[in-house]
Amino acid sequence: MLHNAFICCITSFVFSMTAMPQENETDKFKSRHSVGIAIGHAHVFEGRDAEGNKAVLGLPMWAFDFRRNG
């Protein structure tokens, strides 16, 4: 049973890779800029609460990424 599931997964993977479209060599588009924005949170295990007691803090975070290509 496990052997059949493994064969099925491998076969699905191979067929999905061959069905993906290939890039056209005639397309000459090249982006000049890329922008990325990320939001999330971070856990600080050495944090302190309002009374000064040790506490795990969950703090918001954000990131901005700008890249100029050429």
C-alpha atoms as a PDB file:
ATOM      1  CA  MET A   1       0.000   0.000   0.000  1.00  0.00           C
ATOM      2  CA  LEU A   2       2.772   2.433   0.949  1.00  0.00           C
ATOM      3  CA  HIS A   3       4.699   1.458  -2.168  1.00  0.00           C
ATOM      4  CA  ASN A   4       1.695   2.303  -4.390  1.00  0.00           C
ATOM      5  CA  ALA A   5       1.262   5.697  -2.691  1.00  0.00           C
ATOM      6  CA  PHE A   6       4.955   6.464  -3.247  1.00  0.00           C
ATOM      7  CA  ILE A   7       4.750   5.531  -6.935  1.00  0.00           C
ATOM      8  CA  CYS A   8       1.614   7.659  -7.314  1.00  0.00           C
ATOM      9  CA  CYS A   9       3.339  10.691  -5.738  1.00  0.00           C
ATOM     10  CA  ILE A  10       6.441  10.344  -7.921  1.00  0.00           C
ATOM     11  CA  THR A  11       4.330   9.940 -11.072  1.00  0.00           C
ATOM     12  CA  SER A  12       2.242  13.025 -10.196  1.00  0.00           C
ATOM     13  CA  PHE A  13       5.395  15.049  -9.611  1.00  0.00           C
ATOM     14  CA  VAL A  14       6.949  14.019 -12.936  1.00  0.00           C
ATOM     15  CA  PHE A  15       3.787  14.832 -14.897  1.00  0.00           C
ATOM     16  CA  SER A  16       3.378  18.201 -13.167  1.00  0.00           C
ATOM     17  CA  MET A  17       6.965  19.155 -14.039  1.00  0.00           C
ATOM     18  CA  THR A  18       6.513  18.282 -17.719  1.00  0.00           C
ATOM     19  CA  ALA A  19       3.210  20.172 -17.939  1.00  0.00           C
ATOM     20  CA  MET A  20       4.713  23.467 -16.768  1.00  0.00           C
ATOM     21  CA  PRO A  21       5.037  26.029 -19.586  1.00  0.00           C
ATOM     22  CA  GLN A  22       8.491  26.898 -20.757  1.00  0.00           C
ATOM     23  CA  GLU A  23       9.720  30.476 -21.114  1.00  0.00           C
ATOM     24  CA  ASN A  24       9.618  31.880 -24.595  1.00  0.00           C
ATOM     25  CA  GLU A  25      13.090  32.874 -25.805  1.00  0.00           C
ATOM     26  CA  THR A  26      11.662  35.776 -27.844  1.00  0.00           C
ATOM     27  CA  ASP A  27      10.414  37.633 -24.743  1.00  0.00           C
ATOM     28  CA  LYS A  28      13.008  40.276 -23.863  1.00  0.00           C
ATOM     29  CA  PHE A  29      11.170  41.947 -20.962  1.00  0.00           C
ATOM     30  CA  LYS A  30      13.467  42.773 -18.059  1.00  0.00           C
ATOM     31  CA  SER A  31      12.156  44.465 -14.957  1.00  0.00           C
ATOM     32  CA  ARG A  32      14.137  47.411 -13.656  1.00  0.00           C
ATOM     33  CA  HIS A  33      12.762  47.547 -10.134  1.00  0.00           C
ATOM     34  CA  SER A  34      11.252  45.175  -7.617  1.00  0.00           C
ATOM     35  CA  VAL A  35       9.470  46.045  -4.400  1.00  0.00           C
ATOM     36  CA  GLY A  36       8.646  43.750  -1.508  1.00  0.00           C
ATOM     37  CA  ILE A  37       6.705  44.385   1.673  1.00  0.00           C
ATOM     38  CA  ALA A  38       6.447  41.956   4.581  1.00  0.00           C
ATOM     39  CA  ILE A  39       4.472  42.115   7.805  1.00  0.00           C
ATOM     40  CA  GLY A  40       4.575  39.673  10.670  1.00  0.00           C
ATOM     41  CA  HIS A  41       5.436  39.244  14.305  1.00  0.00           C
ATOM     42  CA  ALA A  42       8.411  38.239  16.417  1.00  0.00           C
ATOM     43  CA  HIS A  43       8.627  36.563  19.824  1.00  0.00           C
ATOM     44  CA  VAL A  44      11.033  38.106  22.344  1.00  0.00           C
ATOM     45  CA  PHE A  45      11.752  35.607  25.130  1.00  0.00           C
ATOM     46  CA  GLU A  46      13.835  38.029  27.231  1.00  0.00           C
ATOM     47  CA  GLY A  47      11.137  40.696  27.414  1.00  0.00           C
ATOM     48  CA  ARG A  48       9.740  42.487  30.480  1.00  0.00           C
ATOM     49  CA  ASP A  49       6.155  43.431  31.254  1.00  0.00           C
ATOM     50  CA  ALA A  50       4.952  46.764  32.747  1.00  0.00           C
ATOM     51  CA  GLU A  51       5.876  45.663  36.311  1.00  0.00           C
ATOM     52  CA  GLY A  52       9.380  44.565  35.290  1.00  0.00           C
ATOM     53  CA  ASN A  53       8.703  40.823  35.442  1.00  0.00           C
ATOM     54  CA  LYS A  54      10.109  38.533  32.766  1.00  0.00           C
ATOM     55  CA  ALA A  55       7.567  37.901  30.013  1.00  0.00           C
ATOM     56  CA  VAL A  56       7.457  36.559  26.475  1.00  0.00           C
ATOM     57  CA  LEU A  57       6.517  39.426  24.189  1.00  0.00           C
ATOM     58  CA  GLY A  58       4.890  39.139  20.789  1.00  0.00           C
ATOM     59  CA  LEU A  59       5.950  42.231  18.861  1.00  0.00           C
ATOM     60  CA  PRO A  60       4.806  43.369  15.419  1.00  0.00           C
ATOM     61  CA  MET A  61       7.380  43.713  12.667  1.00  0.00           C
ATOM     62  CA  TRP A  62       7.464  44.942   9.107  1.00  0.00           C
ATOM     63  CA  ALA A  63      10.028  45.028   6.317  1.00  0.00           C
ATOM     64  CA  PHE A  64      10.387  46.945   3.050  1.00  0.00           C
ATOM     65  CA  ASP A  65      12.672  45.732   0.265  1.00  0.00           C
ATOM     66  CA  PHE A  66      13.456  47.764  -2.848  1.00  0.00           C
ATOM     67  CA  ARG A  67      15.824  46.425  -5.480  1.00  0.00           C
ATOM     68  CA  ARG A  68      17.049  48.220  -8.581  1.00  0.00           C
ATOM     69  CA  ASN A  69      18.096  45.793 -11.309  1.00  0.00           C
ATOM     70  CA  GLY A  70      20.586  47.541 -13.454  1.00  0.00           C
END
